Amino acid sequence: MSVDHGELCNGQEATYCMNGGTCYKILSMNTLSCVCNENHKGSRCEQFQLFSSKRNVTEAGIIAAVIIVALLILVVLAVAIYYIRRVLKAKQQRQQNNQPQYWRVKARV
């Protein structure tokens, strides 16, 4: 860890980081740096970071895409069913018009 962040702070410098952060001296820049624990952030670990359970952006995009595709399939099915019923009804009406109607009595002249 000392390679990434320099040397550990000592004495009064060790209190530079707040909320349990670990203080390191960066010798090349003559400054102090903090490595915060998982619940805090900021240059001196001064900000409390609430746990977030938000989903991955790609996962949310996939869910939205699946919902949109499902809705499109339902719309296409509804339109197909409508036109099939319409064609069948028209065919049935043509068949009824072509059949002789025996129940009608023709007037005698």
PDB file of N, CA and C in Angstrom:
ATOM      1  N   MET A   1       0.832  -1.193   0.000  1.00  0.00           N
ATOM      2  CA  MET A   1       0.000   0.000   0.000  1.00  0.00           C
ATOM      3  C   MET A   1       0.873   1.251   0.000  1.00  0.00           C
ATOM      4  N   SER A   2       2.042   1.170   0.574  1.00  0.00           N
ATOM      5  CA  SER A   2       2.900   2.348   0.633  1.00  0.00           C
ATOM      6  C   SER A   2       3.390   2.753  -0.753  1.00  0.00           C
ATOM      7  N   VAL A   3       3.417   1.836  -1.707  1.00  0.00           N
ATOM      8  CA  VAL A   3       3.846   2.172  -3.065  1.00  0.00           C
ATOM      9  C   VAL A   3       2.794   3.047  -3.742  1.00  0.00           C
ATOM     10  N   ASP A   4       1.498   2.740  -3.546  1.00  0.00           N
ATOM     11  CA  ASP A   4       0.428   3.488  -4.198  1.00  0.00           C
ATOM     12  C   ASP A   4       0.189   4.846  -3.568  1.00  0.00           C
ATOM     13  N   HIS A   5       0.275   4.931  -2.268  1.00  0.00           N
ATOM     14  CA  HIS A   5      -0.142   6.148  -1.563  1.00  0.00           C
ATOM     15  C   HIS A   5       0.982   6.833  -0.782  1.00  0.00           C
ATOM     16  N   GLY A   6       2.171   6.385  -0.863  1.00  0.00           N
ATOM     17  CA  GLY A   6       3.252   6.985  -0.100  1.00  0.00           C
ATOM     18  C   GLY A   6       3.422   6.301   1.251  1.00  0.00           C
ATOM     19  N   GLU A   7       3.957   7.036   2.191  1.00  0.00           N
ATOM     20  CA  GLU A   7       4.206   6.486   3.525  1.00  0.00           C
ATOM     21  C   GLU A   7       3.069   6.841   4.468  1.00  0.00           C
ATOM     22  N   LEU A   8       2.855   5.998   5.472  1.00  0.00           N
ATOM     23  CA  LEU A   8       1.834   6.283   6.479  1.00  0.00           C
ATOM     24  C   LEU A   8       2.184   7.562   7.235  1.00  0.00           C
ATOM     25  N   CYS A   9       1.170   8.343   7.564  1.00  0.00           N
ATOM     26  CA  CYS A   9       1.376   9.563   8.343  1.00  0.00           C
ATOM     27  C   CYS A   9       1.711   9.170   9.787  1.00  0.00           C
ATOM     28  N   ASN A  10       2.410  10.074  10.473  1.00  0.00           N
ATOM     29  CA  ASN A  10       2.725   9.809  11.882  1.00  0.00           C
ATOM     30  C   ASN A  10       2.381  11.020  12.720  1.00  0.00           C
ATOM     31  N   GLY A  11       2.222  10.823  13.992  1.00  0.00           N
ATOM     32  CA  GLY A  11       1.974  11.906  14.937  1.00  0.00           C
ATOM     33  C   GLY A  11       0.697  12.666  14.632  1.00  0.00           C
ATOM     34  N   GLN A  12       0.829  13.998  14.607  1.00  0.00           N
ATOM     35  CA  GLN A  12      -0.311  14.880  14.399  1.00  0.00           C
ATOM     36  C   GLN A  12      -0.898  14.722  13.004  1.00  0.00           C
ATOM     37  N   GLU A  13      -0.111  14.382  12.017  1.00  0.00           N
ATOM     38  CA  GLU A  13      -0.598  14.211  10.658  1.00  0.00           C
ATOM     39  C   GLU A  13      -1.595  13.051  10.541  1.00  0.00           C
ATOM     40  N   ALA A  14      -1.515  12.065  11.422  1.00  0.00           N
ATOM     41  CA  ALA A  14      -2.381  10.893  11.361  1.00  0.00           C
ATOM     42  C   ALA A  14      -3.846  11.270  11.579  1.00  0.00           C
ATOM     43  N   THR A  15      -4.112  12.421  12.195  1.00  0.00           N
ATOM     44  CA  THR A  15      -5.491  12.856  12.437  1.00  0.00           C
ATOM     45  C   THR A  15      -6.052  13.670  11.266  1.00  0.00           C
ATOM     46  N   TYR A  16      -5.295  13.794  10.186  1.00  0.00           N
ATOM     47  CA  TYR A  16      -5.730  14.554   9.021  1.00  0.00           C
ATOM     48  C   TYR A  16      -7.010  13.960   8.414  1.00  0.00           C
ATOM     49  N   CYS A  17      -7.088  12.653   8.338  1.00  0.00           N
ATOM     50  CA  CYS A  17      -8.249  11.987   7.743  1.00  0.00           C
ATOM     51  C   CYS A  17      -9.332  11.780   8.799  1.00  0.00           C
ATOM     52  N   MET A  18     -10.578  11.975   8.398  1.00  0.00           N
ATOM     53  CA  MET A  18     -11.710  11.840   9.315  1.00  0.00           C
ATOM     54  C   MET A  18     -12.385  10.483   9.128  1.00  0.00           C
ATOM     55  N   ASN A  19     -13.229  10.137  10.073  1.00  0.00           N
ATOM     56  CA  ASN A  19     -14.110   8.969  10.002  1.00  0.00           C
ATOM     57  C   ASN A  19     -13.389   7.664   9.708  1.00  0.00           C
ATOM     58  N   GLY A  20     -12.233   7.482  10.296  1.00  0.00           N
ATOM     59  CA  GLY A  20     -11.509   6.219  10.178  1.00  0.00           C
ATOM     60  C   GLY A  20     -10.708   6.054   8.907  1.00  0.00           C
ATOM     61  N   GLY A  21     -10.516   7.132   8.141  1.00  0.00           N
ATOM     62  CA  GLY A  21      -9.696   7.047   6.933  1.00  0.00           C
ATOM     63  C   GLY A  21      -8.225   6.901   7.289  1.00  0.00           C
ATOM     64  N   THR A  22      -7.441   6.325   6.392  1.00  0.00           N
ATOM     65  CA  THR A  22      -6.014   6.121   6.621  1.00  0.00           C
ATOM     66  C   THR A  22      -5.237   7.218   5.902  1.00  0.00           C
ATOM     67  N   CYS A  23      -4.337   7.885   6.646  1.00  0.00           N
ATOM     68  CA  CYS A  23      -3.568   9.008   6.114  1.00  0.00           C
ATOM     69  C   CYS A  23      -2.238   8.513   5.544  1.00  0.00           C
ATOM     70  N   TYR A  24      -1.875   9.046   4.360  1.00  0.00           N
ATOM     71  CA  TYR A  24      -0.594   8.741   3.727  1.00  0.00           C
ATOM     72  C   TYR A  24       0.072  10.035   3.297  1.00  0.00           C
ATOM     73  N   LYS A  25       1.403  10.070   3.406  1.00  0.00           N
ATOM     74  CA  LYS A  25       2.195  11.199   2.894  1.00  0.00           C
ATOM     75  C   LYS A  25       2.611  10.872   1.470  1.00  0.00           C
ATOM     76  N   ILE A  26       2.352  11.809   0.575  1.00  0.00           N
ATOM     77  CA  ILE A  26       2.837  11.658  -0.796  1.00  0.00           C
ATOM     78  C   ILE A  26       4.087  12.532  -0.893  1.00  0.00           C
ATOM     79  N   LEU A  27       5.235  11.875  -0.863  1.00  0.00           N
ATOM     80  CA  LEU A  27       6.501  12.595  -0.760  1.00  0.00           C
ATOM     81  C   LEU A  27       6.811  13.413  -2.007  1.00  0.00           C
ATOM     82  N   SER A  28       6.474  12.901  -3.180  1.00  0.00           N
ATOM     83  CA  SER A  28       6.807  13.602  -4.418  1.00  0.00           C
ATOM     84  C   SER A  28       6.056  14.929  -4.547  1.00  0.00           C
ATOM     85  N   MET A  29       4.871  15.023  -3.918  1.00  0.00           N
ATOM     86  CA  MET A  29       4.088  16.258  -3.995  1.00  0.00           C
ATOM     87  C   MET A  29       4.059  16.992  -2.659  1.00  0.00           C
ATOM     88  N   ASN A  30       4.676  16.432  -1.624  1.00  0.00           N
ATOM     89  CA  ASN A  30       4.720  17.012  -0.291  1.00  0.00           C
ATOM     90  C   ASN A  30       3.306  17.350   0.216  1.00  0.00           C
ATOM     91  N   THR A  31       2.419  16.359   0.145  1.00  0.00           N
ATOM     92  CA  THR A  31       1.044  16.557   0.579  1.00  0.00           C
ATOM     93  C   THR A  31       0.535  15.298   1.274  1.00  0.00           C
ATOM     94  N   LEU A  32      -0.626  15.441   1.914  1.00  0.00           N
ATOM     95  CA  LEU A  32      -1.248  14.311   2.594  1.00  0.00           C
ATOM     96  C   LEU A  32      -2.433  13.816   1.765  1.00  0.00           C
ATOM     97  N   SER A  33      -2.685  12.520   1.841  1.00  0.00           N
ATOM     98  CA  SER A  33      -3.779  11.908   1.110  1.00  0.00           C
ATOM     99  C   SER A  33      -4.487  10.911   2.021  1.00  0.00           C
ATOM    100  N   CYS A  34      -5.769  10.704   1.768  1.00  0.00           N
ATOM    101  CA  CYS A  34      -6.555   9.789   2.595  1.00  0.00           C
ATOM    102  C   CYS A  34      -7.111   8.648   1.759  1.00  0.00           C
ATOM    103  N   VAL A  35      -7.146   7.479   2.365  1.00  0.00           N
ATOM    104  CA  VAL A  35      -7.844   6.328   1.794  1.00  0.00           C
ATOM    105  C   VAL A  35      -9.013   6.068   2.725  1.00  0.00           C
ATOM    106  N   CYS A  36     -10.230   6.270   2.186  1.00  0.00           N
ATOM    107  CA  CYS A  36     -11.435   6.188   3.013  1.00  0.00           C
ATOM    108  C   CYS A  36     -11.958   4.760   3.076  1.00  0.00           C
ATOM    109  N   ASN A  37     -12.731   4.480   4.138  1.00  0.00           N
ATOM    110  CA  ASN A  37     -13.411   3.190   4.199  1.00  0.00           C
ATOM    111  C   ASN A  37     -14.631   3.240   3.283  1.00  0.00           C
ATOM    112  N   GLU A  38     -15.362   2.151   3.175  1.00  0.00           N
ATOM    113  CA  GLU A  38     -16.433   2.051   2.189  1.00  0.00           C
ATOM    114  C   GLU A  38     -17.621   2.962   2.454  1.00  0.00           C
ATOM    115  N   ASN A  39     -17.775   3.498   3.652  1.00  0.00           N
ATOM    116  CA  ASN A  39     -18.938   4.322   3.976  1.00  0.00           C
ATOM    117  C   ASN A  39     -18.693   5.821   3.849  1.00  0.00           C
ATOM    118  N   HIS A  40     -17.471   6.225   3.529  1.00  0.00           N
ATOM    119  CA  HIS A  40     -17.157   7.655   3.456  1.00  0.00           C
ATOM    120  C   HIS A  40     -16.405   7.976   2.180  1.00  0.00           C
ATOM    121  N   LYS A  41     -16.467   9.253   1.786  1.00  0.00           N
ATOM    122  CA  LYS A  41     -15.754   9.720   0.603  1.00  0.00           C
ATOM    123  C   LYS A  41     -15.330  11.158   0.832  1.00  0.00           C
ATOM    124  N   GLY A  42     -14.593  11.691  -0.107  1.00  0.00           N
ATOM    125  CA  GLY A  42     -14.096  13.051  -0.008  1.00  0.00           C
ATOM    126  C   GLY A  42     -12.591  13.047   0.168  1.00  0.00           C
ATOM    127  N   SER A  43     -11.969  14.211   0.039  1.00  0.00           N
ATOM    128  CA  SER A  43     -10.509  14.285   0.132  1.00  0.00           C
ATOM    129  C   SER A  43     -10.001  13.936   1.530  1.00  0.00           C
ATOM    130  N   ARG A  44     -10.832  14.187   2.549  1.00  0.00           N
ATOM    131  CA  ARG A  44     -10.444  13.848   3.931  1.00  0.00           C
ATOM    132  C   ARG A  44     -11.431  12.877   4.569  1.00  0.00           C
ATOM    133  N   CYS A  45     -12.204  12.174   3.743  1.00  0.00           N
ATOM    134  CA  CYS A  45     -13.224  11.205   4.200  1.00  0.00           C
ATOM    135  C   CYS A  45     -14.289  11.890   5.052  1.00  0.00           C
ATOM    136  N   GLU A  46     -14.634  13.118   4.690  1.00  0.00           N
ATOM    137  CA  GLU A  46     -15.561  13.913   5.490  1.00  0.00           C
ATOM    138  C   GLU A  46     -17.021  13.702   5.124  1.00  0.00           C
ATOM    139  N   GLN A  47     -17.306  13.082   4.005  1.00  0.00           N
ATOM    140  CA  GLN A  47     -18.687  12.923   3.556  1.00  0.00           C
ATOM    141  C   GLN A  47     -19.140  11.482   3.748  1.00  0.00           C
ATOM    142  N   PHE A  48     -20.319  11.337   4.373  1.00  0.00           N
ATOM    143  CA  PHE A  48     -20.899  10.016   4.573  1.00  0.00           C
ATOM    144  C   PHE A  48     -21.576   9.586   3.283  1.00  0.00           C
ATOM    145  N   GLN A  49     -21.311   8.380   2.847  1.00  0.00           N
ATOM    146  CA  GLN A  49     -21.859   7.879   1.600  1.00  0.00           C
ATOM    147  C   GLN A  49     -22.923   6.838   1.921  1.00  0.00           C
ATOM    148  N   LEU A  50     -24.174   7.150   1.568  1.00  0.00           N
ATOM    149  CA  LEU A  50     -25.261   6.220   1.807  1.00  0.00           C
ATOM    150  C   LEU A  50     -25.166   5.039   0.859  1.00  0.00           C
ATOM    151  N   PHE A  51     -25.605   3.888   1.339  1.00  0.00           N
ATOM    152  CA  PHE A  51     -25.625   2.688   0.512  1.00  0.00           C
ATOM    153  C   PHE A  51     -26.650   2.865  -0.584  1.00  0.00           C
ATOM    154  N   SER A  52     -26.281   2.550  -1.796  1.00  0.00           N
ATOM    155  CA  SER A  52     -27.174   2.694  -2.936  1.00  0.00           C
ATOM    156  C   SER A  52     -27.356   1.332  -3.591  1.00  0.00           C
ATOM    157  N   SER A  53     -28.599   1.020  -3.883  1.00  0.00           N
ATOM    158  CA  SER A  53     -28.868  -0.263  -4.532  1.00  0.00           C
ATOM    159  C   SER A  53     -29.417  -0.054  -5.931  1.00  0.00           C
ATOM    160  N   LYS A  54     -28.947   0.965  -6.623  1.00  0.00           N
ATOM    161  CA  LYS A  54     -29.452   1.204  -7.974  1.00  0.00           C
ATOM    162  C   LYS A  54     -28.902   0.144  -8.916  1.00  0.00           C
ATOM    163  N   ARG A  55     -29.708  -0.174  -9.908  1.00  0.00           N
ATOM    164  CA  ARG A  55     -29.341  -1.216 -10.849  1.00  0.00           C
ATOM    165  C   ARG A  55     -28.357  -0.693 -11.870  1.00  0.00           C
ATOM    166  N   ASN A  56     -27.695  -1.624 -12.453  1.00  0.00           N
ATOM    167  CA  ASN A  56     -26.763  -1.297 -13.519  1.00  0.00           C
ATOM    168  C   ASN A  56     -27.544  -0.667 -14.679  1.00  0.00           C
ATOM    169  N   VAL A  57     -26.961   0.321 -15.331  1.00  0.00           N
ATOM    170  CA  VAL A  57     -27.645   1.036 -16.408  1.00  0.00           C
ATOM    171  C   VAL A  57     -27.973   0.093 -17.560  1.00  0.00           C
ATOM    172  N   THR A  58     -27.068  -0.812 -17.880  1.00  0.00           N
ATOM    173  CA  THR A  58     -27.332  -1.739 -18.977  1.00  0.00           C
ATOM    174  C   THR A  58     -28.466  -2.687 -18.628  1.00  0.00           C
ATOM    175  N   GLU A  59     -28.558  -3.081 -17.365  1.00  0.00           N
ATOM    176  CA  GLU A  59     -29.653  -3.967 -16.947  1.00  0.00           C
ATOM    177  C   GLU A  59     -30.997  -3.258 -17.096  1.00  0.00           C
ATOM    178  N   ALA A  60     -31.065  -2.000 -16.714  1.00  0.00           N
ATOM    179  CA  ALA A  60     -32.301  -1.229 -16.858  1.00  0.00           C
ATOM    180  C   ALA A  60     -32.649  -1.049 -18.334  1.00  0.00           C
ATOM    181  N   GLY A  61     -31.662  -0.856 -19.175  1.00  0.00           N
ATOM    182  CA  GLY A  61     -31.897  -0.715 -20.609  1.00  0.00           C
ATOM    183  C   GLY A  61     -32.429  -1.995 -21.224  1.00  0.00           C
ATOM    184  N   ILE A  62     -31.908  -3.120 -20.784  1.00  0.00           N
ATOM    185  CA  ILE A  62     -32.381  -4.409 -21.298  1.00  0.00           C
ATOM    186  C   ILE A  62     -33.823  -4.643 -20.879  1.00  0.00           C
ATOM    187  N   ILE A  63     -34.150  -4.319 -19.635  1.00  0.00           N
ATOM    188  CA  ILE A  63     -35.520  -4.496 -19.146  1.00  0.00           C
ATOM    189  C   ILE A  63     -36.474  -3.616 -19.956  1.00  0.00           C
ATOM    190  N   ALA A  64     -36.099  -2.371 -20.206  1.00  0.00           N
ATOM    191  CA  ALA A  64     -36.938  -1.465 -20.991  1.00  0.00           C
ATOM    192  C   ALA A  64     -37.109  -1.994 -22.414  1.00  0.00           C
ATOM    193  N   ALA A  65     -36.047  -2.507 -23.011  1.00  0.00           N
ATOM    194  CA  ALA A  65     -36.131  -3.037 -24.374  1.00  0.00           C
ATOM    195  C   ALA A  65     -37.063  -4.246 -24.437  1.00  0.00           C
ATOM    196  N   VAL A  66     -36.987  -5.127 -23.451  1.00  0.00           N
ATOM    197  CA  VAL A  66     -37.849  -6.312 -23.425  1.00  0.00           C
ATOM    198  C   VAL A  66     -39.316  -5.894 -23.302  1.00  0.00           C
ATOM    199  N   ILE A  67     -39.598  -4.911 -22.464  1.00  0.00           N
ATOM    200  CA  ILE A  67     -40.977  -4.434 -22.295  1.00  0.00           C
ATOM    201  C   ILE A  67     -41.499  -3.825 -23.596  1.00  0.00           C
ATOM    202  N   ILE A  68     -40.680  -3.033 -24.266  1.00  0.00           N
ATOM    203  CA  ILE A  68     -41.088  -2.400 -25.521  1.00  0.00           C
ATOM    204  C   ILE A  68     -41.346  -3.454 -26.593  1.00  0.00           C
ATOM    205  N   VAL A  69     -40.463  -4.451 -26.691  1.00  0.00           N
ATOM    206  CA  VAL A  69     -40.649  -5.512 -27.682  1.00  0.00           C
ATOM    207  C   VAL A  69     -41.922  -6.298 -27.378  1.00  0.00           C
ATOM    208  N   ALA A  70     -42.174  -6.587 -26.105  1.00  0.00           N
ATOM    209  CA  ALA A  70     -43.389  -7.319 -25.730  1.00  0.00           C
ATOM    210  C   ALA A  70     -44.639  -6.525 -26.110  1.00  0.00           C
ATOM    211  N   LEU A  71     -44.631  -5.226 -25.873  1.00  0.00           N
ATOM    212  CA  LEU A  71     -45.777  -4.387 -26.246  1.00  0.00           C
ATOM    213  C   LEU A  71     -45.978  -4.354 -27.755  1.00  0.00           C
ATOM    214  N   LEU A  72     -44.893  -4.274 -28.505  1.00  0.00           N
ATOM    215  CA  LEU A  72     -45.000  -4.277 -29.965  1.00  0.00           C
ATOM    216  C   LEU A  72     -45.569  -5.603 -30.468  1.00  0.00           C
ATOM    217  N   ILE A  73     -45.149  -6.705 -29.875  1.00  0.00           N
ATOM    218  CA  ILE A  73     -45.689  -8.013 -30.264  1.00  0.00           C
ATOM    219  C   ILE A  73     -47.181  -8.078 -29.979  1.00  0.00           C
ATOM    220  N   LEU A  74     -47.602  -7.566 -28.817  1.00  0.00           N
ATOM    221  CA  LEU A  74     -49.027  -7.561 -28.496  1.00  0.00           C
ATOM    222  C   LEU A  74     -49.833  -6.718 -29.481  1.00  0.00           C
ATOM    223  N   VAL A  75     -49.312  -5.582 -29.884  1.00  0.00           N
ATOM    224  CA  VAL A  75     -50.010  -4.723 -30.846  1.00  0.00           C
ATOM    225  C   VAL A  75     -50.119  -5.425 -32.196  1.00  0.00           C
ATOM    226  N   VAL A  76     -49.029  -6.045 -32.649  1.00  0.00           N
ATOM    227  CA  VAL A  76     -49.057  -6.759 -33.928  1.00  0.00           C
ATOM    228  C   VAL A  76     -50.057  -7.910 -33.874  1.00  0.00           C
ATOM    229  N   LEU A  77     -50.085  -8.649 -32.763  1.00  0.00           N
ATOM    230  CA  LEU A  77     -51.057  -9.738 -32.625  1.00  0.00           C
ATOM    231  C   LEU A  77     -52.489  -9.219 -32.650  1.00  0.00           C
ATOM    232  N   ALA A  78     -52.748  -8.118 -31.967  1.00  0.00           N
ATOM    233  CA  ALA A  78     -54.093  -7.555 -31.948  1.00  0.00           C
ATOM    234  C   ALA A  78     -54.533  -7.134 -33.348  1.00  0.00           C
ATOM    235  N   VAL A  79     -53.651  -6.504 -34.099  1.00  0.00           N
ATOM    236  CA  VAL A  79     -53.973  -6.083 -35.461  1.00  0.00           C
ATOM    237  C   VAL A  79     -54.192  -7.307 -36.347  1.00  0.00           C
ATOM    238  N   ALA A  80     -53.353  -8.321 -36.217  1.00  0.00           N
ATOM    239  CA  ALA A  80     -53.508  -9.535 -37.018  1.00  0.00           C
ATOM    240  C   ALA A  80     -54.829 -10.225 -36.710  1.00  0.00           C
ATOM    241  N   ILE A  81     -55.192 -10.346 -35.459  1.00  0.00           N
ATOM    242  CA  ILE A  81     -56.464 -10.971 -35.074  1.00  0.00           C
ATOM    243  C   ILE A  81     -57.638 -10.176 -35.621  1.00  0.00           C
ATOM    244  N   TYR A  82     -57.560  -8.860 -35.551  1.00  0.00           N
ATOM    245  CA  TYR A  82     -58.637  -8.014 -36.072  1.00  0.00           C
ATOM    246  C   TYR A  82     -58.844  -8.266 -37.566  1.00  0.00           C
ATOM    247  N   TYR A  83     -57.767  -8.259 -38.360  1.00  0.00           N
ATOM    248  CA  TYR A  83     -57.898  -8.440 -39.798  1.00  0.00           C
ATOM    249  C   TYR A  83     -58.315  -9.862 -40.160  1.00  0.00           C
ATOM    250  N   ILE A  84     -57.848 -10.859 -39.440  1.00  0.00           N
ATOM    251  CA  ILE A  84     -58.268 -12.234 -39.709  1.00  0.00           C
ATOM    252  C   ILE A  84     -59.763 -12.387 -39.463  1.00  0.00           C
ATOM    253  N   ARG A  85     -60.249 -11.831 -38.362  1.00  0.00           N
ATOM    254  CA  ARG A  85     -61.687 -11.903 -38.078  1.00  0.00           C
ATOM    255  C   ARG A  85     -62.495 -11.159 -39.141  1.00  0.00           C
ATOM    256  N   ARG A  86     -61.985 -10.052 -39.587  1.00  0.00           N
ATOM    257  CA  ARG A  86     -62.674  -9.253 -40.605  1.00  0.00           C
ATOM    258  C   ARG A  86     -62.766 -10.024 -41.928  1.00  0.00           C
ATOM    259  N   VAL A  87     -61.661 -10.667 -42.318  1.00  0.00           N
ATOM    260  CA  VAL A  87     -61.646 -11.446 -43.558  1.00  0.00           C
ATOM    261  C   VAL A  87     -62.588 -12.640 -43.434  1.00  0.00           C
ATOM    262  N   LEU A  88     -62.570 -13.337 -42.310  1.00  0.00           N
ATOM    263  CA  LEU A  88     -63.454 -14.487 -42.121  1.00  0.00           C
ATOM    264  C   LEU A  88     -64.924 -14.078 -42.128  1.00  0.00           C
ATOM    265  N   LYS A  89     -65.220 -12.950 -41.522  1.00  0.00           N
ATOM    266  CA  LYS A  89     -66.602 -12.473 -41.505  1.00  0.00           C
ATOM    267  C   LYS A  89     -67.068 -12.112 -42.916  1.00  0.00           C
ATOM    268  N   ALA A  90     -66.198 -11.467 -43.692  1.00  0.00           N
ATOM    269  CA  ALA A  90     -66.550 -11.117 -45.068  1.00  0.00           C
ATOM    270  C   ALA A  90     -66.744 -12.378 -45.901  1.00  0.00           C
ATOM    271  N   LYS A  91     -65.911 -13.379 -45.701  1.00  0.00           N
ATOM    272  CA  LYS A  91     -66.039 -14.638 -46.429  1.00  0.00           C
ATOM    273  C   LYS A  91     -67.352 -15.338 -46.064  1.00  0.00           C
ATOM    274  N   GLN A  92     -67.689 -15.313 -44.796  1.00  0.00           N
ATOM    275  CA  GLN A  92     -68.930 -15.936 -44.343  1.00  0.00           C
ATOM    276  C   GLN A  92     -70.140 -15.216 -44.938  1.00  0.00           C
ATOM    277  N   GLN A  93     -70.094 -13.901 -45.005  1.00  0.00           N
ATOM    278  CA  GLN A  93     -71.205 -13.144 -45.591  1.00  0.00           C
ATOM    279  C   GLN A  93     -71.342 -13.430 -47.085  1.00  0.00           C
ATOM    280  N   ARG A  94     -70.231 -13.579 -47.808  1.00  0.00           N
ATOM    281  CA  ARG A  94     -70.282 -13.910 -49.232  1.00  0.00           C
ATOM    282  C   ARG A  94     -70.901 -15.292 -49.435  1.00  0.00           C
ATOM    283  N   GLN A  95     -70.542 -16.229 -48.561  1.00  0.00           N
ATOM    284  CA  GLN A  95     -71.107 -17.568 -48.675  1.00  0.00           C
ATOM    285  C   GLN A  95     -72.609 -17.551 -48.404  1.00  0.00           C
ATOM    286  N   GLN A  96     -73.042 -16.752 -47.461  1.00  0.00           N
ATOM    287  CA  GLN A  96     -74.470 -16.668 -47.156  1.00  0.00           C
ATOM    288  C   GLN A  96     -75.231 -16.022 -48.305  1.00  0.00           C
ATOM    289  N   ASN A  97     -74.645 -15.049 -48.962  1.00  0.00           N
ATOM    290  CA  ASN A  97     -75.304 -14.372 -50.081  1.00  0.00           C
ATOM    291  C   ASN A  97     -75.396 -15.282 -51.304  1.00  0.00           C
ATOM    292  N   ASN A  98     -74.464 -16.212 -51.471  1.00  0.00           N
ATOM    293  CA  ASN A  98     -74.469 -17.111 -52.622  1.00  0.00           C
ATOM    294  C   ASN A  98     -75.388 -18.317 -52.433  1.00  0.00           C
ATOM    295  N   GLN A  99     -75.770 -18.630 -51.234  1.00  0.00           N
ATOM    296  CA  GLN A  99     -76.632 -19.784 -50.982  1.00  0.00           C
ATOM    297  C   GLN A  99     -78.076 -19.430 -51.310  1.00  0.00           C
ATOM    298  N   PRO A 100     -78.797 -20.416 -51.893  1.00  0.00           N
ATOM    299  CA  PRO A 100     -80.218 -20.160 -52.148  1.00  0.00           C
ATOM    300  C   PRO A 100     -80.959 -20.078 -50.820  1.00  0.00           C
ATOM    301  N   GLN A 101     -81.918 -19.221 -50.786  1.00  0.00           N
ATOM    302  CA  GLN A 101     -82.663 -19.029 -49.552  1.00  0.00           C
ATOM    303  C   GLN A 101     -84.017 -19.725 -49.700  1.00  0.00           C
ATOM    304  N   TYR A 102     -84.129 -20.877 -49.108  1.00  0.00           N
ATOM    305  CA  TYR A 102     -85.303 -21.722 -49.265  1.00  0.00           C
ATOM    306  C   TYR A 102     -86.476 -21.269 -48.414  1.00  0.00           C
ATOM    307  N   TRP A 103     -86.243 -20.522 -47.424  1.00  0.00           N
ATOM    308  CA  TRP A 103     -87.334 -20.152 -46.529  1.00  0.00           C
ATOM    309  C   TRP A 103     -88.195 -19.032 -47.074  1.00  0.00           C
ATOM    310  N   ARG A 104     -87.736 -18.366 -48.120  1.00  0.00           N
ATOM    311  CA  ARG A 104     -88.541 -17.306 -48.711  1.00  0.00           C
ATOM    312  C   ARG A 104     -89.524 -17.910 -49.731  1.00  0.00           C
ATOM    313  N   VAL A 105     -90.668 -17.452 -49.659  1.00  0.00           N
ATOM    314  CA  VAL A 105     -91.698 -17.910 -50.596  1.00  0.00           C
ATOM    315  C   VAL A 105     -91.834 -16.861 -51.678  1.00  0.00           C
ATOM    316  N   LYS A 106     -91.737 -17.339 -52.930  1.00  0.00           N
ATOM    317  CA  LYS A 106     -91.852 -16.402 -54.042  1.00  0.00           C
ATOM    318  C   LYS A 106     -93.348 -16.182 -54.337  1.00  0.00           C
ATOM    319  N   ALA A 107     -93.670 -14.987 -54.659  1.00  0.00           N
ATOM    320  CA  ALA A 107     -95.057 -14.649 -54.973  1.00  0.00           C
ATOM    321  C   ALA A 107     -95.437 -15.219 -56.323  1.00  0.00           C
ATOM    322  N   ARG A 108     -96.689 -15.697 -56.440  1.00  0.00           N
ATOM    323  CA  ARG A 108     -97.162 -16.226 -57.712  1.00  0.00           C
ATOM    324  C   ARG A 108     -97.685 -15.073 -58.555  1.00  0.00           C
ATOM    325  N   VAL A 109     -97.431 -15.186 -59.740  1.00  0.00           N
ATOM    326  CA  VAL A 109     -97.886 -14.143 -60.649  1.00  0.00           C
ATOM    327  C   VAL A 109     -99.153 -14.515 -61.356  1.00  0.00           C
TER     328      VAL A 109
END
